[in-house]
């Protein structure tokens, strides 16, 4: 299978996953940021805007736009992982951010 096809498929998976979490499951995000992480509403909203914007960049035909989106998501997932470490989340709750972080790194370096 062609590497470009795999990369495109992974971009779509990452974008769809973030859309699902930040749009479809938004109520869960509100609860987690408030109860689990004790972060302010403005940080939750800024995080969501950045993640959804970077996700949209992944769907662009422009390779530079893809890389910018990947870099943004990579940074955001790094901080998500650090948040899970800070609050001592169960590994099951940290797994999505770790997985997305690794997928983005994979795409940035292939």
N, C-alpha and C. Protein backbone atom coordinates (compact mmCIF):
# COMPACT_ATOMS: atom_id res chain seq x y z
N UNK A 1 0.84 -1.19 0.00
CA UNK A 1 0.00 0.00 0.00
C UNK A 1 0.89 1.24 0.00
N UNK A 2 0.47 2.25 -0.71
CA UNK A 2 1.21 3.48 -0.85
C UNK A 2 1.22 4.28 0.47
N UNK A 3 2.39 4.84 0.83
CA UNK A 3 2.53 5.61 2.06
C UNK A 3 1.62 6.83 2.06
N UNK A 4 1.42 7.45 0.90
CA UNK A 4 0.55 8.62 0.82
C UNK A 4 -0.90 8.26 1.14
N UNK A 5 -1.33 7.11 0.70
CA UNK A 5 -2.70 6.66 1.00
C UNK A 5 -2.86 6.40 2.49
N UNK A 6 -1.85 5.76 3.09
CA UNK A 6 -1.89 5.50 4.54
C UNK A 6 -1.90 6.82 5.30
N UNK A 7 -1.06 7.76 4.90
CA UNK A 7 -1.00 9.06 5.56
C UNK A 7 -2.34 9.79 5.45
N UNK A 8 -2.95 9.74 4.28
CA UNK A 8 -4.26 10.38 4.10
C UNK A 8 -5.32 9.74 5.00
N UNK A 9 -5.29 8.42 5.08
CA UNK A 9 -6.26 7.71 5.92
C UNK A 9 -6.05 8.06 7.39
N UNK A 10 -4.80 8.14 7.82
CA UNK A 10 -4.52 8.49 9.22
C UNK A 10 -4.94 9.93 9.50
N UNK A 11 -4.71 10.84 8.56
CA UNK A 11 -5.18 12.22 8.72
C UNK A 11 -6.69 12.26 8.94
N UNK A 12 -7.41 11.49 8.14
CA UNK A 12 -8.87 11.45 8.27
C UNK A 12 -9.29 10.87 9.61
N UNK A 13 -8.62 9.82 10.04
CA UNK A 13 -8.94 9.21 11.35
C UNK A 13 -8.71 10.21 12.48
N UNK A 14 -7.58 10.92 12.44
CA UNK A 14 -7.28 11.91 13.48
C UNK A 14 -8.33 13.01 13.48
N UNK A 15 -8.63 13.56 12.30
CA UNK A 15 -9.62 14.64 12.21
C UNK A 15 -10.99 14.18 12.68
N UNK A 16 -11.41 13.00 12.26
CA UNK A 16 -12.72 12.48 12.66
C UNK A 16 -12.78 12.23 14.16
N UNK A 17 -11.71 11.71 14.71
CA UNK A 17 -11.66 11.44 16.15
C UNK A 17 -11.80 12.73 16.94
N UNK A 18 -11.04 13.75 16.55
CA UNK A 18 -11.12 15.02 17.28
C UNK A 18 -12.48 15.68 17.11
N UNK A 19 -13.05 15.59 15.91
CA UNK A 19 -14.40 16.12 15.70
C UNK A 19 -15.39 15.41 16.62
N UNK A 20 -15.31 14.09 16.67
CA UNK A 20 -16.23 13.31 17.51
C UNK A 20 -16.11 13.72 18.98
N UNK A 21 -14.88 13.81 19.47
CA UNK A 21 -14.66 14.13 20.88
C UNK A 21 -15.10 15.56 21.21
N UNK A 22 -14.75 16.52 20.32
CA UNK A 22 -14.98 17.92 20.65
C UNK A 22 -16.32 18.47 20.18
N UNK A 23 -17.06 17.70 19.38
CA UNK A 23 -18.38 18.16 18.95
C UNK A 23 -19.46 17.21 19.47
N UNK A 24 -19.37 15.96 19.10
CA UNK A 24 -20.40 14.99 19.48
C UNK A 24 -20.40 14.74 20.99
N UNK A 25 -19.21 14.63 21.58
CA UNK A 25 -19.10 14.33 23.01
C UNK A 25 -18.75 15.58 23.83
N UNK A 26 -19.13 16.74 23.36
CA UNK A 26 -18.73 17.99 24.01
C UNK A 26 -19.14 18.04 25.48
N UNK A 27 -20.30 17.49 25.81
CA UNK A 27 -20.75 17.49 27.22
C UNK A 27 -19.73 16.78 28.12
N UNK A 28 -19.14 15.70 27.62
CA UNK A 28 -18.11 14.99 28.39
C UNK A 28 -16.87 15.86 28.57
N UNK A 29 -16.52 16.61 27.52
CA UNK A 29 -15.36 17.50 27.60
C UNK A 29 -15.59 18.57 28.67
N UNK A 30 -16.78 19.15 28.67
CA UNK A 30 -17.12 20.17 29.67
C UNK A 30 -16.95 19.60 31.08
N UNK A 31 -17.47 18.41 31.29
CA UNK A 31 -17.37 17.76 32.60
C UNK A 31 -15.92 17.46 32.98
N UNK A 32 -15.16 16.92 32.04
CA UNK A 32 -13.76 16.58 32.33
C UNK A 32 -12.94 17.82 32.67
N UNK A 33 -13.07 18.88 31.88
CA UNK A 33 -12.29 20.09 32.14
C UNK A 33 -12.65 20.70 33.48
N UNK A 34 -13.91 20.60 33.87
CA UNK A 34 -14.36 21.20 35.12
C UNK A 34 -14.02 20.31 36.32
N UNK A 35 -14.42 19.04 36.25
CA UNK A 35 -14.31 18.15 37.41
C UNK A 35 -12.98 17.43 37.52
N UNK A 36 -12.47 16.92 36.39
CA UNK A 36 -11.25 16.12 36.45
C UNK A 36 -9.99 16.98 36.44
N UNK A 37 -9.97 18.01 35.59
CA UNK A 37 -8.75 18.78 35.40
C UNK A 37 -8.76 20.11 36.14
N UNK A 38 -9.93 20.59 36.52
CA UNK A 38 -10.08 21.87 37.20
C UNK A 38 -9.50 23.02 36.37
N UNK A 39 -9.73 22.97 35.06
CA UNK A 39 -9.27 24.01 34.15
C UNK A 39 -10.42 24.98 33.88
N UNK A 40 -10.11 26.25 33.60
CA UNK A 40 -11.17 27.24 33.33
C UNK A 40 -11.86 26.99 31.99
N UNK A 41 -13.07 27.52 31.89
CA UNK A 41 -13.87 27.37 30.67
C UNK A 41 -13.16 27.94 29.45
N UNK A 42 -12.48 29.09 29.61
CA UNK A 42 -11.81 29.72 28.47
C UNK A 42 -10.72 28.81 27.90
N UNK A 43 -10.02 28.06 28.78
CA UNK A 43 -8.98 27.16 28.29
C UNK A 43 -9.58 25.98 27.54
N UNK A 44 -10.71 25.49 28.03
CA UNK A 44 -11.42 24.41 27.34
C UNK A 44 -11.85 24.87 25.95
N UNK A 45 -12.44 26.06 25.88
CA UNK A 45 -12.91 26.58 24.60
C UNK A 45 -11.75 26.84 23.63
N UNK A 46 -10.67 27.42 24.13
CA UNK A 46 -9.50 27.67 23.29
C UNK A 46 -8.91 26.35 22.78
N UNK A 47 -8.83 25.37 23.65
CA UNK A 47 -8.32 24.05 23.26
C UNK A 47 -9.19 23.44 22.17
N UNK A 48 -10.49 23.53 22.32
CA UNK A 48 -11.41 22.99 21.32
C UNK A 48 -11.28 23.70 19.98
N UNK A 49 -11.19 25.02 20.02
CA UNK A 49 -11.03 25.79 18.77
C UNK A 49 -9.74 25.39 18.07
N UNK A 50 -8.66 25.29 18.84
CA UNK A 50 -7.37 24.92 18.24
C UNK A 50 -7.40 23.50 17.69
N UNK A 51 -7.96 22.57 18.43
CA UNK A 51 -8.00 21.17 17.96
C UNK A 51 -8.87 21.03 16.71
N UNK A 52 -10.01 21.68 16.68
CA UNK A 52 -10.88 21.59 15.50
C UNK A 52 -10.26 22.31 14.30
N UNK A 53 -9.59 23.44 14.55
CA UNK A 53 -8.92 24.15 13.46
C UNK A 53 -7.78 23.31 12.88
N UNK A 54 -6.99 22.73 13.75
CA UNK A 54 -5.90 21.87 13.28
C UNK A 54 -6.44 20.63 12.56
N UNK A 55 -7.56 20.11 13.03
CA UNK A 55 -8.19 18.96 12.36
C UNK A 55 -8.61 19.32 10.94
N UNK A 56 -9.17 20.51 10.78
CA UNK A 56 -9.57 20.96 9.44
C UNK A 56 -8.35 21.08 8.53
N UNK A 57 -7.23 21.52 9.09
CA UNK A 57 -6.00 21.64 8.31
C UNK A 57 -5.54 20.28 7.78
N UNK A 58 -5.82 19.23 8.54
CA UNK A 58 -5.42 17.88 8.11
C UNK A 58 -6.13 17.46 6.84
N UNK A 59 -7.28 18.04 6.58
CA UNK A 59 -8.08 17.65 5.41
C UNK A 59 -7.76 18.50 4.18
N UNK A 60 -6.82 19.42 4.33
CA UNK A 60 -6.42 20.29 3.22
C UNK A 60 -5.56 19.52 2.22
N UNK A 61 -5.62 19.95 0.96
CA UNK A 61 -4.77 19.36 -0.08
C UNK A 61 -3.35 19.94 -0.04
N UNK A 62 -3.16 21.01 0.72
CA UNK A 62 -1.86 21.67 0.82
C UNK A 62 -0.99 20.97 1.86
N UNK A 63 0.14 20.39 1.46
CA UNK A 63 1.02 19.68 2.40
C UNK A 63 1.51 20.56 3.56
N UNK A 64 1.76 21.84 3.30
CA UNK A 64 2.20 22.73 4.38
C UNK A 64 1.09 22.92 5.41
N UNK A 65 -0.14 23.02 4.93
CA UNK A 65 -1.28 23.16 5.84
C UNK A 65 -1.43 21.88 6.67
N UNK A 66 -1.27 20.72 6.03
CA UNK A 66 -1.32 19.44 6.76
C UNK A 66 -0.28 19.40 7.86
N UNK A 67 0.95 19.79 7.52
CA UNK A 67 2.03 19.76 8.51
C UNK A 67 1.78 20.73 9.66
N UNK A 68 1.22 21.89 9.36
CA UNK A 68 0.88 22.85 10.41
C UNK A 68 -0.19 22.26 11.34
N UNK A 69 -1.20 21.64 10.75
CA UNK A 69 -2.23 20.99 11.55
C UNK A 69 -1.68 19.86 12.40
N UNK A 70 -0.82 19.05 11.80
CA UNK A 70 -0.20 17.95 12.55
C UNK A 70 0.65 18.46 13.69
N UNK A 71 1.43 19.49 13.41
CA UNK A 71 2.27 20.06 14.46
C UNK A 71 1.42 20.61 15.61
N UNK A 72 0.35 21.30 15.25
CA UNK A 72 -0.56 21.84 16.28
C UNK A 72 -1.18 20.74 17.12
N UNK A 73 -1.66 19.70 16.48
CA UNK A 73 -2.28 18.60 17.23
C UNK A 73 -1.24 17.88 18.08
N UNK A 74 -0.03 17.73 17.55
CA UNK A 74 1.04 17.09 18.31
C UNK A 74 1.31 17.85 19.61
N UNK A 75 1.42 19.17 19.51
CA UNK A 75 1.67 20.00 20.69
C UNK A 75 0.49 19.89 21.67
N UNK A 76 -0.72 19.99 21.15
CA UNK A 76 -1.90 19.90 22.01
C UNK A 76 -2.01 18.53 22.69
N UNK A 77 -1.67 17.46 21.98
CA UNK A 77 -1.72 16.12 22.57
C UNK A 77 -0.62 15.93 23.60
N UNK A 78 0.52 16.58 23.39
CA UNK A 78 1.58 16.53 24.40
C UNK A 78 1.06 17.12 25.71
N UNK A 79 0.42 18.29 25.62
CA UNK A 79 -0.12 18.90 26.83
C UNK A 79 -1.28 18.11 27.42
N UNK A 80 -2.05 17.45 26.57
CA UNK A 80 -3.12 16.57 27.08
C UNK A 80 -2.51 15.42 27.87
N UNK A 81 -1.42 14.84 27.34
CA UNK A 81 -0.76 13.75 28.07
C UNK A 81 -0.22 14.25 29.41
N UNK A 82 0.37 15.46 29.42
CA UNK A 82 0.90 16.02 30.66
C UNK A 82 -0.22 16.28 31.67
N UNK A 83 -1.39 16.67 31.16
CA UNK A 83 -2.54 16.87 32.05
C UNK A 83 -2.94 15.54 32.69
N UNK A 84 -2.95 14.47 31.90
CA UNK A 84 -3.30 13.16 32.45
C UNK A 84 -2.28 12.71 33.50
N UNK A 85 -1.01 13.03 33.29
CA UNK A 85 0.01 12.70 34.28
C UNK A 85 -0.23 13.53 35.54
N UNK A 86 -0.50 14.82 35.36
CA UNK A 86 -0.72 15.74 36.49
C UNK A 86 -1.86 15.28 37.38
N UNK A 87 -2.97 14.87 36.77
CA UNK A 87 -4.15 14.49 37.56
C UNK A 87 -4.18 12.99 37.85
N UNK A 88 -3.12 12.28 37.42
CA UNK A 88 -3.01 10.84 37.67
C UNK A 88 -4.20 10.07 37.13
N UNK A 89 -4.54 10.35 35.88
CA UNK A 89 -5.65 9.66 35.21
C UNK A 89 -5.34 8.18 35.06
N UNK A 90 -6.38 7.40 34.97
CA UNK A 90 -6.22 5.98 34.66
C UNK A 90 -5.63 5.87 33.25
N UNK A 91 -4.78 4.89 33.01
CA UNK A 91 -4.19 4.73 31.68
C UNK A 91 -5.23 4.71 30.56
N UNK A 92 -6.38 4.15 30.83
CA UNK A 92 -7.46 4.07 29.84
C UNK A 92 -7.91 5.46 29.39
N UNK A 93 -7.89 6.42 30.30
CA UNK A 93 -8.30 7.79 29.95
C UNK A 93 -7.20 8.54 29.21
N UNK A 94 -5.95 8.16 29.43
CA UNK A 94 -4.82 8.83 28.77
C UNK A 94 -4.53 8.23 27.40
N UNK A 95 -4.99 7.03 27.14
CA UNK A 95 -4.67 6.32 25.90
C UNK A 95 -5.02 7.10 24.62
N UNK A 96 -6.18 7.75 24.54
CA UNK A 96 -6.49 8.49 23.30
C UNK A 96 -5.48 9.60 23.00
N UNK A 97 -5.07 10.36 24.00
CA UNK A 97 -4.11 11.44 23.73
C UNK A 97 -2.75 10.86 23.35
N UNK A 98 -2.35 9.77 23.98
CA UNK A 98 -1.08 9.12 23.63
C UNK A 98 -1.14 8.60 22.19
N UNK A 99 -2.25 7.96 21.85
CA UNK A 99 -2.40 7.40 20.50
C UNK A 99 -2.37 8.50 19.43
N UNK A 100 -3.11 9.57 19.65
CA UNK A 100 -3.13 10.66 18.68
C UNK A 100 -1.76 11.33 18.58
N UNK A 101 -1.09 11.48 19.70
CA UNK A 101 0.26 12.05 19.71
C UNK A 101 1.20 11.21 18.84
N UNK A 102 1.17 9.89 19.05
CA UNK A 102 2.04 8.99 18.28
C UNK A 102 1.68 8.97 16.80
N UNK A 103 0.40 9.00 16.49
CA UNK A 103 -0.01 9.04 15.08
C UNK A 103 0.48 10.32 14.40
N UNK A 104 0.37 11.44 15.10
CA UNK A 104 0.86 12.71 14.54
C UNK A 104 2.37 12.69 14.34
N UNK A 105 3.09 12.16 15.31
CA UNK A 105 4.55 12.06 15.16
C UNK A 105 4.89 11.18 13.96
N UNK A 106 4.19 10.06 13.82
CA UNK A 106 4.41 9.17 12.69
C UNK A 106 4.23 9.94 11.37
N UNK A 107 3.16 10.69 11.27
CA UNK A 107 2.89 11.44 10.04
C UNK A 107 3.89 12.56 9.80
N UNK A 108 4.35 13.19 10.85
CA UNK A 108 5.32 14.27 10.69
C UNK A 108 6.67 13.76 10.19
N UNK A 109 6.98 12.50 10.48
CA UNK A 109 8.30 11.98 10.13
C UNK A 109 8.32 10.99 8.99
N UNK A 110 7.17 10.75 8.33
CA UNK A 110 7.19 9.87 7.15
C UNK A 110 7.14 10.71 5.89
